[in-house]
Amino acid sequence: MATKSVSIRFEEEMLKKISYIAEYEGRSVNSEVLCLVRDRILAFEREHDKIEGSISPDLNVKPSRRG
C-alpha cells in the first residue's frame, strides 16, 4: 500500500497537547495522529457501513509502550 503525505495545521496549544500524549504513549506525533484517525474510521464504520478498502492497524504506527 502506498503511503501519502498530508500537511496538518495545528494551533500551538493543540500541538503541545498531542505531543505530550504521543510522548506518553512512546510514539511520534505522526504515529499518534494516525492512531486517532484509525480510531475515528473504526467508530464511523461501526455506526455506518464499512468503507471499501483495508488498512493494517499497525501500518506506520509505533505500538503504545503501555500496550
PDB file of N, CA and C in Angstrom:
ATOM      1  N   MET A   1       0.850  -1.173   0.000  1.00  0.00           N
ATOM      2  CA  MET A   1       0.000   0.000   0.000  1.00  0.00           C
ATOM      3  C   MET A   1       0.896   1.237   0.000  1.00  0.00           C
ATOM      4  N   ALA A   2       0.585   2.179  -0.863  1.00  0.00           N
ATOM      5  CA  ALA A   2       1.351   3.426  -0.938  1.00  0.00           C
ATOM      6  C   ALA A   2       1.039   4.310   0.261  1.00  0.00           C
ATOM      7  N   THR A   3       2.051   5.006   0.727  1.00  0.00           N
ATOM      8  CA  THR A   3       1.871   5.945   1.824  1.00  0.00           C
ATOM      9  C   THR A   3       1.897   7.351   1.254  1.00  0.00           C
ATOM     10  N   LYS A   4       0.916   8.153   1.607  1.00  0.00           N
ATOM     11  CA  LYS A   4       0.807   9.529   1.138  1.00  0.00           C
ATOM     12  C   LYS A   4       1.096  10.472   2.295  1.00  0.00           C
ATOM     13  N   SER A   5       1.535  11.656   1.954  1.00  0.00           N
ATOM     14  CA  SER A   5       1.858  12.663   2.952  1.00  0.00           C
ATOM     15  C   SER A   5       0.793  13.761   2.945  1.00  0.00           C
ATOM     16  N   VAL A   6       0.427  14.234   4.144  1.00  0.00           N
ATOM     17  CA  VAL A   6      -0.564  15.289   4.300  1.00  0.00           C
ATOM     18  C   VAL A   6      -0.041  16.298   5.312  1.00  0.00           C
ATOM     19  N   SER A   7      -0.174  17.567   4.998  1.00  0.00           N
ATOM     20  CA  SER A   7       0.199  18.597   5.969  1.00  0.00           C
ATOM     21  C   SER A   7      -1.017  18.947   6.808  1.00  0.00           C
ATOM     22  N   ILE A   8      -0.818  19.096   8.105  1.00  0.00           N
ATOM     23  CA  ILE A   8      -1.900  19.472   9.011  1.00  0.00           C
ATOM     24  C   ILE A   8      -1.447  20.684   9.801  1.00  0.00           C
ATOM     25  N   ARG A   9      -2.314  21.675   9.894  1.00  0.00           N
ATOM     26  CA  ARG A   9      -2.011  22.853  10.694  1.00  0.00           C
ATOM     27  C   ARG A   9      -2.676  22.695  12.053  1.00  0.00           C
ATOM     28  N   PHE A  10      -1.881  22.826  13.099  1.00  0.00           N
ATOM     29  CA  PHE A  10      -2.357  22.729  14.471  1.00  0.00           C
ATOM     30  C   PHE A  10      -2.225  24.075  15.158  1.00  0.00           C
ATOM     31  N   GLU A  11      -3.187  24.395  16.010  1.00  0.00           N
ATOM     32  CA  GLU A  11      -2.986  25.514  16.925  1.00  0.00           C
ATOM     33  C   GLU A  11      -1.865  25.097  17.865  1.00  0.00           C
ATOM     34  N   GLU A  12      -1.072  26.050  18.337  1.00  0.00           N
ATOM     35  CA  GLU A  12       0.096  25.723  19.150  1.00  0.00           C
ATOM     36  C   GLU A  12      -0.267  24.904  20.385  1.00  0.00           C
ATOM     37  N   GLU A  13      -1.322  25.275  21.083  1.00  0.00           N
ATOM     38  CA  GLU A  13      -1.719  24.543  22.287  1.00  0.00           C
ATOM     39  C   GLU A  13      -2.104  23.106  21.964  1.00  0.00           C
ATOM     40  N   MET A  14      -2.829  22.916  20.860  1.00  0.00           N
ATOM     41  CA  MET A  14      -3.234  21.574  20.458  1.00  0.00           C
ATOM     42  C   MET A  14      -2.013  20.733  20.108  1.00  0.00           C
ATOM     43  N   LEU A  15      -1.038  21.318  19.427  1.00  0.00           N
ATOM     44  CA  LEU A  15       0.178  20.586  19.078  1.00  0.00           C
ATOM     45  C   LEU A  15       0.952  20.195  20.333  1.00  0.00           C
ATOM     46  N   LYS A  16       1.018  21.093  21.297  1.00  0.00           N
ATOM     47  CA  LYS A  16       1.707  20.767  22.555  1.00  0.00           C
ATOM     48  C   LYS A  16       1.015  19.606  23.257  1.00  0.00           C
ATOM     49  N   LYS A  17      -0.303  19.611  23.252  1.00  0.00           N
ATOM     50  CA  LYS A  17      -1.044  18.549  23.936  1.00  0.00           C
ATOM     51  C   LYS A  17      -0.931  17.207  23.226  1.00  0.00           C
ATOM     52  N   ILE A  18      -1.029  17.217  21.897  1.00  0.00           N
ATOM     53  CA  ILE A  18      -0.905  15.942  21.184  1.00  0.00           C
ATOM     54  C   ILE A  18       0.529  15.434  21.268  1.00  0.00           C
ATOM     55  N   SER A  19       1.500  16.340  21.331  1.00  0.00           N
ATOM     56  CA  SER A  19       2.900  15.946  21.517  1.00  0.00           C
ATOM     57  C   SER A  19       3.096  15.296  22.881  1.00  0.00           C
ATOM     58  N   TYR A  20       2.456  15.835  23.893  1.00  0.00           N
ATOM     59  CA  TYR A  20       2.525  15.274  25.245  1.00  0.00           C
ATOM     60  C   TYR A  20       1.955  13.851  25.250  1.00  0.00           C
ATOM     61  N   ILE A  21       0.796  13.699  24.639  1.00  0.00           N
ATOM     62  CA  ILE A  21       0.154  12.385  24.589  1.00  0.00           C
ATOM     63  C   ILE A  21       1.025  11.394  23.819  1.00  0.00           C
ATOM     64  N   ALA A  22       1.548  11.830  22.673  1.00  0.00           N
ATOM     65  CA  ALA A  22       2.399  10.958  21.863  1.00  0.00           C
ATOM     66  C   ALA A  22       3.628  10.508  22.647  1.00  0.00           C
ATOM     67  N   GLU A  23       4.268  11.439  23.329  1.00  0.00           N
ATOM     68  CA  GLU A  23       5.450  11.090  24.118  1.00  0.00           C
ATOM     69  C   GLU A  23       5.080  10.108  25.231  1.00  0.00           C
ATOM     70  N   TYR A  24       3.960  10.343  25.882  1.00  0.00           N
ATOM     71  CA  TYR A  24       3.491   9.447  26.945  1.00  0.00           C
ATOM     72  C   TYR A  24       3.294   8.028  26.406  1.00  0.00           C
ATOM     73  N   GLU A  25       2.760   7.926  25.196  1.00  0.00           N
ATOM     74  CA  GLU A  25       2.488   6.625  24.584  1.00  0.00           C
ATOM     75  C   GLU A  25       3.723   6.032  23.915  1.00  0.00           C
ATOM     76  N   GLY A  26       4.834   6.796  23.876  1.00  0.00           N
ATOM     77  CA  GLY A  26       6.047   6.293  23.245  1.00  0.00           C
ATOM     78  C   GLY A  26       5.984   6.331  21.736  1.00  0.00           C
ATOM     79  N   ARG A  27       5.245   7.288  21.197  1.00  0.00           N
ATOM     80  CA  ARG A  27       5.070   7.421  19.749  1.00  0.00           C
ATOM     81  C   ARG A  27       5.517   8.798  19.285  1.00  0.00           C
ATOM     82  N   SER A  28       5.677   8.924  17.975  1.00  0.00           N
ATOM     83  CA  SER A  28       5.864  10.230  17.366  1.00  0.00           C
ATOM     84  C   SER A  28       4.487  10.896  17.258  1.00  0.00           C
ATOM     85  N   VAL A  29       4.483  12.195  17.030  1.00  0.00           N
ATOM     86  CA  VAL A  29       3.214  12.901  16.812  1.00  0.00           C
ATOM     87  C   VAL A  29       2.515  12.305  15.590  1.00  0.00           C
ATOM     88  N   ASN A  30       3.280  12.018  14.544  1.00  0.00           N
ATOM     89  CA  ASN A  30       2.699  11.441  13.337  1.00  0.00           C
ATOM     90  C   ASN A  30       1.980  10.127  13.645  1.00  0.00           C
ATOM     91  N   SER A  31       2.647   9.235  14.374  1.00  0.00           N
ATOM     92  CA  SER A  31       2.027   7.948  14.716  1.00  0.00           C
ATOM     93  C   SER A  31       0.799   8.133  15.595  1.00  0.00           C
ATOM     94  N   GLU A  32       0.846   9.070  16.509  1.00  0.00           N
ATOM     95  CA  GLU A  32      -0.305   9.320  17.383  1.00  0.00           C
ATOM     96  C   GLU A  32      -1.501   9.812  16.579  1.00  0.00           C
ATOM     97  N   VAL A  33      -1.246  10.719  15.636  1.00  0.00           N
ATOM     98  CA  VAL A  33      -2.332  11.226  14.791  1.00  0.00           C
ATOM     99  C   VAL A  33      -2.906  10.100  13.939  1.00  0.00           C
ATOM    100  N   LEU A  34      -2.042   9.232  13.411  1.00  0.00           N
ATOM    101  CA  LEU A  34      -2.542   8.088  12.635  1.00  0.00           C
ATOM    102  C   LEU A  34      -3.423   7.178  13.488  1.00  0.00           C
ATOM    103  N   CYS A  35      -3.048   6.959  14.735  1.00  0.00           N
ATOM    104  CA  CYS A  35      -3.882   6.155  15.648  1.00  0.00           C
ATOM    105  C   CYS A  35      -5.241   6.801  15.851  1.00  0.00           C
ATOM    106  N   LEU A  36      -5.252   8.105  16.057  1.00  0.00           N
ATOM    107  CA  LEU A  36      -6.510   8.821  16.248  1.00  0.00           C
ATOM    108  C   LEU A  36      -7.398   8.731  15.007  1.00  0.00           C
ATOM    109  N   VAL A  37      -6.795   8.862  13.841  1.00  0.00           N
ATOM    110  CA  VAL A  37      -7.556   8.771  12.591  1.00  0.00           C
ATOM    111  C   VAL A  37      -8.119   7.370  12.423  1.00  0.00           C
ATOM    112  N   ARG A  38      -7.299   6.359  12.686  1.00  0.00           N
ATOM    113  CA  ARG A  38      -7.796   4.981  12.567  1.00  0.00           C
ATOM    114  C   ARG A  38      -8.938   4.698  13.550  1.00  0.00           C
ATOM    115  N   ASP A  39      -8.822   5.192  14.768  1.00  0.00           N
ATOM    116  CA  ASP A  39      -9.895   5.024  15.756  1.00  0.00           C
ATOM    117  C   ASP A  39     -11.184   5.675  15.264  1.00  0.00           C
ATOM    118  N   ARG A  40     -11.054   6.834  14.660  1.00  0.00           N
ATOM    119  CA  ARG A  40     -12.241   7.542  14.160  1.00  0.00           C
ATOM    120  C   ARG A  40     -12.872   6.795  12.999  1.00  0.00           C
ATOM    121  N   ILE A  41     -12.031   6.249  12.110  1.00  0.00           N
ATOM    122  CA  ILE A  41     -12.550   5.469  10.988  1.00  0.00           C
ATOM    123  C   ILE A  41     -13.303   4.239  11.497  1.00  0.00           C
ATOM    124  N   LEU A  42     -12.729   3.532  12.459  1.00  0.00           N
ATOM    125  CA  LEU A  42     -13.398   2.356  13.027  1.00  0.00           C
ATOM    126  C   LEU A  42     -14.735   2.731  13.665  1.00  0.00           C
ATOM    127  N   ALA A  43     -14.763   3.843  14.392  1.00  0.00           N
ATOM    128  CA  ALA A  43     -16.012   4.295  15.023  1.00  0.00           C
ATOM    129  C   ALA A  43     -17.054   4.639  13.956  1.00  0.00           C
ATOM    130  N   PHE A  44     -16.624   5.303  12.903  1.00  0.00           N
ATOM    131  CA  PHE A  44     -17.540   5.657  11.818  1.00  0.00           C
ATOM    132  C   PHE A  44     -18.118   4.392  11.188  1.00  0.00           C
ATOM    133  N   GLU A  45     -17.232   3.409  10.926  1.00  0.00           N
ATOM    134  CA  GLU A  45     -17.690   2.178  10.284  1.00  0.00           C
ATOM    135  C   GLU A  45     -18.605   1.361  11.188  1.00  0.00           C
ATOM    136  N   ARG A  46     -18.445   1.460  12.492  1.00  0.00           N
ATOM    137  CA  ARG A  46     -19.372   0.766  13.401  1.00  0.00           C
ATOM    138  C   ARG A  46     -20.762   1.399  13.330  1.00  0.00           C
ATOM    139  N   GLU A  47     -20.799   2.707  13.182  1.00  0.00           N
ATOM    140  CA  GLU A  47     -22.072   3.417  13.145  1.00  0.00           C
ATOM    141  C   GLU A  47     -22.727   3.349  11.771  1.00  0.00           C
ATOM    142  N   HIS A  48     -21.907   3.318  10.745  1.00  0.00           N
ATOM    143  CA  HIS A  48     -22.382   3.289   9.352  1.00  0.00           C
ATOM    144  C   HIS A  48     -21.859   2.010   8.714  1.00  0.00           C
ATOM    145  N   ASP A  49     -21.948   1.917   7.439  1.00  0.00           N
ATOM    146  CA  ASP A  49     -21.415   0.740   6.744  1.00  0.00           C
ATOM    147  C   ASP A  49     -19.901   0.818   6.631  1.00  0.00           C
ATOM    148  N   LYS A  50     -19.310  -0.355   6.414  1.00  0.00           N
ATOM    149  CA  LYS A  50     -17.861  -0.428   6.223  1.00  0.00           C
ATOM    150  C   LYS A  50     -17.470   0.324   4.959  1.00  0.00           C
ATOM    151  N   ILE A  51     -16.384   1.060   5.056  1.00  0.00           N
ATOM    152  CA  ILE A  51     -15.845   1.778   3.913  1.00  0.00           C
ATOM    153  C   ILE A  51     -14.972   0.801   3.136  1.00  0.00           C
ATOM    154  N   GLU A  52     -15.097   0.807   1.817  1.00  0.00           N
ATOM    155  CA  GLU A  52     -14.309  -0.100   0.980  1.00  0.00           C
ATOM    156  C   GLU A  52     -12.819   0.114   1.187  1.00  0.00           C
ATOM    157  N   GLY A  53     -12.059  -0.959   1.151  1.00  0.00           N
ATOM    158  CA  GLY A  53     -10.615  -0.897   1.301  1.00  0.00           C
ATOM    159  C   GLY A  53     -10.206  -1.471   2.634  1.00  0.00           C
ATOM    160  N   SER A  54      -8.932  -1.724   2.784  1.00  0.00           N
ATOM    161  CA  SER A  54      -8.446  -2.256   4.049  1.00  0.00           C
ATOM    162  C   SER A  54      -7.162  -1.543   4.433  1.00  0.00           C
ATOM    163  N   ILE A  55      -6.889  -1.522   5.706  1.00  0.00           N
ATOM    164  CA  ILE A  55      -5.672  -0.901   6.212  1.00  0.00           C
ATOM    165  C   ILE A  55      -5.211  -1.695   7.416  1.00  0.00           C
ATOM    166  N   SER A  56      -3.959  -1.995   7.439  1.00  0.00           N
ATOM    167  CA  SER A  56      -3.404  -2.727   8.569  1.00  0.00           C
ATOM    168  C   SER A  56      -3.335  -1.791   9.771  1.00  0.00           C
ATOM    169  N   PRO A  57      -3.853  -2.179  10.928  1.00  0.00           N
ATOM    170  CA  PRO A  57      -3.870  -1.286  12.092  1.00  0.00           C
ATOM    171  C   PRO A  57      -2.497  -0.815  12.525  1.00  0.00           C
ATOM    172  N   ASP A  58      -1.457  -1.598  12.237  1.00  0.00           N
ATOM    173  CA  ASP A  58      -0.131  -1.212  12.698  1.00  0.00           C
ATOM    174  C   ASP A  58       0.720  -0.544  11.619  1.00  0.00           C
ATOM    175  N   LEU A  59       0.166  -0.328  10.452  1.00  0.00           N
ATOM    176  CA  LEU A  59       0.914   0.292   9.368  1.00  0.00           C
ATOM    177  C   LEU A  59       1.368   1.694   9.757  1.00  0.00           C
ATOM    178  N   ASN A  60       2.665   1.926   9.757  1.00  0.00           N
ATOM    179  CA  ASN A  60       3.268   3.231  10.054  1.00  0.00           C
ATOM    180  C   ASN A  60       2.996   3.741  11.463  1.00  0.00           C
ATOM    181  N   VAL A  61       2.612   2.881  12.379  1.00  0.00           N
ATOM    182  CA  VAL A  61       2.311   3.337  13.741  1.00  0.00           C
ATOM    183  C   VAL A  61       3.109   2.503  14.732  1.00  0.00           C
ATOM    184  N   LYS A  62       3.857   3.187  15.571  1.00  0.00           N
ATOM    185  CA  LYS A  62       4.589   2.501  16.622  1.00  0.00           C
ATOM    186  C   LYS A  62       3.595   2.112  17.710  1.00  0.00           C
ATOM    187  N   PRO A  63       3.595   0.877  18.163  1.00  0.00           N
ATOM    188  CA  PRO A  63       2.650   0.471  19.211  1.00  0.00           C
ATOM    189  C   PRO A  63       2.892   1.251  20.505  1.00  0.00           C
ATOM    190  N   SER A  64       1.846   1.421  21.248  1.00  0.00           N
ATOM    191  CA  SER A  64       1.948   2.089  22.548  1.00  0.00           C
ATOM    192  C   SER A  64       2.873   1.319  23.456  1.00  0.00           C
ATOM    193  N   ARG A  65       3.694   2.015  24.209  1.00  0.00           N
ATOM    194  CA  ARG A  65       4.571   1.329  25.170  1.00  0.00           C
ATOM    195  C   ARG A  65       3.764   0.768  26.319  1.00  0.00           C
ATOM    196  N   ARG A  66       2.523   1.231  26.438  1.00  0.00           N
ATOM    197  CA  ARG A  66       1.648   0.784  27.524  1.00  0.00           C
ATOM    198  C   ARG A  66       0.926  -0.491  27.120  1.00  0.00           C
ATOM    199  N   GLY A  67       0.935  -0.818  25.801  1.00  0.00           N
ATOM    200  CA  GLY A  67       0.216  -1.899  25.172  1.00  0.00           C
ATOM    201  C   GLY A  67       0.173  -3.167  25.876  1.00  0.00           C
TER     202      GLY A  67
END
